[in-house]
Amino acid sequence: MATRVKLTLTHYRRPERTHEAFMKWIIEEHLPLAIPVFKRCGVLNYSLFETPAAMNAELKAGMGDGYRAAWDYADFDCFIEYTLNDVKDIGGFLADPDWAKSVEHQEEWVDTSRALMSIGYITPYLLESGEIVNVPNL
């Protein structure tokens, strides 16, 4: 299996918005406009990883004082993952005029000053099917 480019982005909602309303905006307003752009511009996969505060609090409480007590726990509202063949594909969707339409209300919903972006390569090793790939001697 080929190594792919992964672009990730964390989003915090604006403080005057609830987590539920924020996620509803992304799913019901932003994504219907953005997905066609992704399909046109070479985005192979888009995933939205929702991180509700209650789940994070429960996880942190479950770790207690011992196991992983020094770890910090994410407090953003969601983690977005884009999978692409090439870094150049990012410019394709960002330059698309329909992308601008899909994010025109972003400032009303997203605390962009706290967003965190990363880029790198993703190589699968264990697939959902249970198949092990890209691991020598296994």
C-alpha atoms as a PDB file:
ATOM      1  CA  MET A   1       0.000   0.000   0.000  1.00  0.00           C
ATOM      2  CA  ALA A   2       1.288   3.446  -0.908  1.00  0.00           C
ATOM      3  CA  THR A   3       2.182   6.117   1.589  1.00  0.00           C
ATOM      4  CA  ARG A   4      -0.248   9.039   1.411  1.00  0.00           C
ATOM      5  CA  VAL A   5      -0.122  12.662   2.497  1.00  0.00           C
ATOM      6  CA  LYS A   6      -2.182  13.443   5.597  1.00  0.00           C
ATOM      7  CA  LEU A   7      -3.222  16.986   6.447  1.00  0.00           C
ATOM      8  CA  THR A   8      -4.807  17.416   9.867  1.00  0.00           C
ATOM      9  CA  LEU A   9      -6.518  20.343  11.502  1.00  0.00           C
ATOM     10  CA  THR A  10      -7.879  20.801  14.993  1.00  0.00           C
ATOM     11  CA  HIS A  11     -10.800  23.131  15.517  1.00  0.00           C
ATOM     12  CA  TYR A  12     -12.099  24.863  18.586  1.00  0.00           C
ATOM     13  CA  ARG A  13     -15.551  26.381  18.400  1.00  0.00           C
ATOM     14  CA  ARG A  14     -16.092  30.016  19.263  1.00  0.00           C
ATOM     15  CA  PRO A  15     -16.932  30.265  22.985  1.00  0.00           C
ATOM     16  CA  GLU A  16     -20.448  31.576  22.383  1.00  0.00           C
ATOM     17  CA  ARG A  17     -21.336  28.411  20.411  1.00  0.00           C
ATOM     18  CA  THR A  18     -22.188  25.034  21.895  1.00  0.00           C
ATOM     19  CA  HIS A  19     -20.274  21.954  20.831  1.00  0.00           C
ATOM     20  CA  GLU A  20     -23.482  20.449  19.423  1.00  0.00           C
ATOM     21  CA  ALA A  21     -24.339  23.530  17.343  1.00  0.00           C
ATOM     22  CA  PHE A  22     -20.744  23.730  16.109  1.00  0.00           C
ATOM     23  CA  MET A  23     -20.725  20.118  14.932  1.00  0.00           C
ATOM     24  CA  LYS A  24     -24.143  20.601  13.309  1.00  0.00           C
ATOM     25  CA  TRP A  25     -22.776  23.599  11.385  1.00  0.00           C
ATOM     26  CA  ILE A  26     -19.801  21.610  10.110  1.00  0.00           C
ATOM     27  CA  ILE A  27     -21.855  18.578   9.089  1.00  0.00           C
ATOM     28  CA  GLU A  28     -25.016  20.221   7.776  1.00  0.00           C
ATOM     29  CA  GLU A  29     -23.757  23.519   6.347  1.00  0.00           C
ATOM     30  CA  HIS A  30     -20.019  23.316   5.626  1.00  0.00           C
ATOM     31  CA  LEU A  31     -19.592  19.737   4.401  1.00  0.00           C
ATOM     32  CA  PRO A  32     -22.358  19.728   1.759  1.00  0.00           C
ATOM     33  CA  LEU A  33     -20.495  22.618   0.107  1.00  0.00           C
ATOM     34  CA  ALA A  34     -16.974  21.295   0.741  1.00  0.00           C
ATOM     35  CA  ILE A  35     -17.294  17.622  -0.260  1.00  0.00           C
ATOM     36  CA  PRO A  36     -17.840  18.303  -3.988  1.00  0.00           C
ATOM     37  CA  VAL A  37     -14.714  20.503  -3.919  1.00  0.00           C
ATOM     38  CA  PHE A  38     -12.726  17.701  -2.284  1.00  0.00           C
ATOM     39  CA  LYS A  39     -13.876  15.198  -4.893  1.00  0.00           C
ATOM     40  CA  ARG A  40     -12.897  17.557  -7.743  1.00  0.00           C
ATOM     41  CA  CYS A  41      -9.533  18.465  -6.262  1.00  0.00           C
ATOM     42  CA  GLY A  42      -7.950  15.138  -5.364  1.00  0.00           C
ATOM     43  CA  VAL A  43      -8.864  14.706  -1.706  1.00  0.00           C
ATOM     44  CA  LEU A  44      -8.958  10.910  -1.301  1.00  0.00           C
ATOM     45  CA  ASN A  45     -10.491  10.820   2.163  1.00  0.00           C
ATOM     46  CA  TYR A  46     -11.950  13.304   4.619  1.00  0.00           C
ATOM     47  CA  SER A  47     -12.660  12.317   8.205  1.00  0.00           C
ATOM     48  CA  LEU A  48     -14.145  14.319  11.031  1.00  0.00           C
ATOM     49  CA  PHE A  49     -13.105  13.093  14.468  1.00  0.00           C
ATOM     50  CA  GLU A  50     -15.464  14.643  17.007  1.00  0.00           C
ATOM     51  CA  THR A  51     -13.994  15.068  20.498  1.00  0.00           C
ATOM     52  CA  PRO A  52     -16.780  15.926  22.983  1.00  0.00           C
ATOM     53  CA  ALA A  53     -15.598  17.418  26.264  1.00  0.00           C
ATOM     54  CA  ALA A  54     -17.542  14.854  28.323  1.00  0.00           C
ATOM     55  CA  MET A  55     -15.711  11.954  26.673  1.00  0.00           C
ATOM     56  CA  ASN A  56     -12.331  13.589  27.270  1.00  0.00           C
ATOM     57  CA  ALA A  57     -13.212  14.274  30.918  1.00  0.00           C
ATOM     58  CA  GLU A  58     -14.272  10.653  31.392  1.00  0.00           C
ATOM     59  CA  LEU A  59     -11.064   9.383  29.773  1.00  0.00           C
ATOM     60  CA  LYS A  60      -8.932  11.665  31.935  1.00  0.00           C
ATOM     61  CA  ALA A  61     -10.764  10.585  35.104  1.00  0.00           C
ATOM     62  CA  GLY A  62     -10.342   6.934  34.135  1.00  0.00           C
ATOM     63  CA  MET A  63      -6.593   7.320  33.813  1.00  0.00           C
ATOM     64  CA  GLY A  64      -6.415   8.424  37.460  1.00  0.00           C
ATOM     65  CA  ASP A  65      -3.221   9.450  39.171  1.00  0.00           C
ATOM     66  CA  GLY A  66      -1.106   6.575  37.904  1.00  0.00           C
ATOM     67  CA  TYR A  67      -1.449   5.376  34.341  1.00  0.00           C
ATOM     68  CA  ARG A  68      -0.513   8.189  31.962  1.00  0.00           C
ATOM     69  CA  ALA A  69      -1.112  10.810  34.666  1.00  0.00           C
ATOM     70  CA  ALA A  70       1.441  13.161  33.079  1.00  0.00           C
ATOM     71  CA  TRP A  71      -0.357  13.182  29.739  1.00  0.00           C
ATOM     72  CA  ASP A  72      -2.363  16.175  28.653  1.00  0.00           C
ATOM     73  CA  TYR A  73      -5.832  15.678  27.182  1.00  0.00           C
ATOM     74  CA  ALA A  74      -7.010  17.453  24.070  1.00  0.00           C
ATOM     75  CA  ASP A  75      -9.761  19.980  24.556  1.00  0.00           C
ATOM     76  CA  PHE A  76     -10.566  20.942  20.972  1.00  0.00           C
ATOM     77  CA  ASP A  77     -13.988  20.173  19.485  1.00  0.00           C
ATOM     78  CA  CYS A  78     -12.884  18.189  16.451  1.00  0.00           C
ATOM     79  CA  PHE A  79      -9.935  16.865  14.537  1.00  0.00           C
ATOM     80  CA  ILE A  80     -10.190  16.943  10.735  1.00  0.00           C
ATOM     81  CA  GLU A  81      -8.136  14.635   8.523  1.00  0.00           C
ATOM     82  CA  TYR A  82      -7.581  14.996   4.804  1.00  0.00           C
ATOM     83  CA  THR A  83      -5.828  12.230   2.863  1.00  0.00           C
ATOM     84  CA  LEU A  84      -4.213  13.195  -0.442  1.00  0.00           C
ATOM     85  CA  ASN A  85      -1.848  11.746  -3.005  1.00  0.00           C
ATOM     86  CA  ASP A  86       0.317  14.854  -3.124  1.00  0.00           C
ATOM     87  CA  VAL A  87       0.906  18.029  -1.111  1.00  0.00           C
ATOM     88  CA  LYS A  88       0.044  20.005  -4.281  1.00  0.00           C
ATOM     89  CA  ASP A  89      -3.555  18.824  -3.991  1.00  0.00           C
ATOM     90  CA  ILE A  90      -4.027  21.106  -0.946  1.00  0.00           C
ATOM     91  CA  GLY A  91      -3.595  24.197  -3.106  1.00  0.00           C
ATOM     92  CA  GLY A  92      -6.171  22.822  -5.519  1.00  0.00           C
ATOM     93  CA  PHE A  93      -9.038  22.775  -3.085  1.00  0.00           C
ATOM     94  CA  LEU A  94      -7.976  25.945  -1.261  1.00  0.00           C
ATOM     95  CA  ALA A  95      -7.969  27.866  -4.575  1.00  0.00           C
ATOM     96  CA  ASP A  96     -11.352  26.538  -5.675  1.00  0.00           C
ATOM     97  CA  PRO A  97     -14.014  29.309  -5.580  1.00  0.00           C
ATOM     98  CA  ASP A  98     -16.524  26.850  -4.123  1.00  0.00           C
ATOM     99  CA  TRP A  99     -14.144  26.226  -1.203  1.00  0.00           C
ATOM    100  CA  ALA A 100     -14.357  29.926  -0.341  1.00  0.00           C
ATOM    101  CA  LYS A 101     -18.147  29.591  -0.260  1.00  0.00           C
ATOM    102  CA  SER A 102     -17.911  26.568   2.039  1.00  0.00           C
ATOM    103  CA  VAL A 103     -15.895  28.507   4.632  1.00  0.00           C
ATOM    104  CA  GLU A 104     -17.447  31.967   4.302  1.00  0.00           C
ATOM    105  CA  HIS A 105     -19.117  31.670   7.744  1.00  0.00           C
ATOM    106  CA  GLN A 106     -16.145  29.991   9.409  1.00  0.00           C
ATOM    107  CA  GLU A 107     -15.237  33.026  11.530  1.00  0.00           C
ATOM    108  CA  GLU A 108     -18.708  32.890  13.120  1.00  0.00           C
ATOM    109  CA  TRP A 109     -18.122  29.303  14.267  1.00  0.00           C
ATOM    110  CA  VAL A 110     -14.407  28.509  14.483  1.00  0.00           C
ATOM    111  CA  ASP A 111     -11.891  30.053  16.865  1.00  0.00           C
ATOM    112  CA  THR A 112      -9.253  30.146  14.130  1.00  0.00           C
ATOM    113  CA  SER A 113      -6.662  31.666  16.488  1.00  0.00           C
ATOM    114  CA  ARG A 114      -6.463  28.267  18.238  1.00  0.00           C
ATOM    115  CA  ALA A 115      -6.454  26.007  15.176  1.00  0.00           C
ATOM    116  CA  LEU A 116      -3.517  23.634  14.825  1.00  0.00           C
ATOM    117  CA  MET A 117      -2.494  22.248  11.444  1.00  0.00           C
ATOM    118  CA  SER A 118      -0.038  19.469  10.672  1.00  0.00           C
ATOM    119  CA  ILE A 119       1.082  17.653   7.556  1.00  0.00           C
ATOM    120  CA  GLY A 120       2.990  14.466   7.001  1.00  0.00           C
ATOM    121  CA  TYR A 121       2.814  10.974   5.607  1.00  0.00           C
ATOM    122  CA  ILE A 122       0.493   8.194   6.650  1.00  0.00           C
ATOM    123  CA  THR A 123       1.359   4.566   6.154  1.00  0.00           C
ATOM    124  CA  PRO A 124      -1.199   1.946   7.175  1.00  0.00           C
ATOM    125  CA  TYR A 125      -0.064  -1.110   9.113  1.00  0.00           C
ATOM    126  CA  LEU A 126      -3.312  -2.687  10.306  1.00  0.00           C
ATOM    127  CA  LEU A 127      -6.422  -2.385   8.148  1.00  0.00           C
ATOM    128  CA  GLU A 128     -10.034  -2.517   9.304  1.00  0.00           C
ATOM    129  CA  SER A 129     -10.266  -5.886   7.554  1.00  0.00           C
ATOM    130  CA  GLY A 130      -7.639  -7.211   9.991  1.00  0.00           C
ATOM    131  CA  GLU A 131      -5.003  -7.419   7.250  1.00  0.00           C
ATOM    132  CA  ILE A 132      -1.477  -6.458   8.321  1.00  0.00           C
ATOM    133  CA  VAL A 133       0.401  -4.486   5.669  1.00  0.00           C
ATOM    134  CA  ASN A 134       3.753  -2.724   5.337  1.00  0.00           C
ATOM    135  CA  VAL A 135       5.323  -4.610   8.245  1.00  0.00           C
ATOM    136  CA  PRO A 136       8.382  -6.629   7.282  1.00  0.00           C
ATOM    137  CA  ASN A 137       8.768 -10.111   8.730  1.00  0.00           C
ATOM    138  CA  LEU A 138       5.160 -10.474   9.804  1.00  0.00           C
END
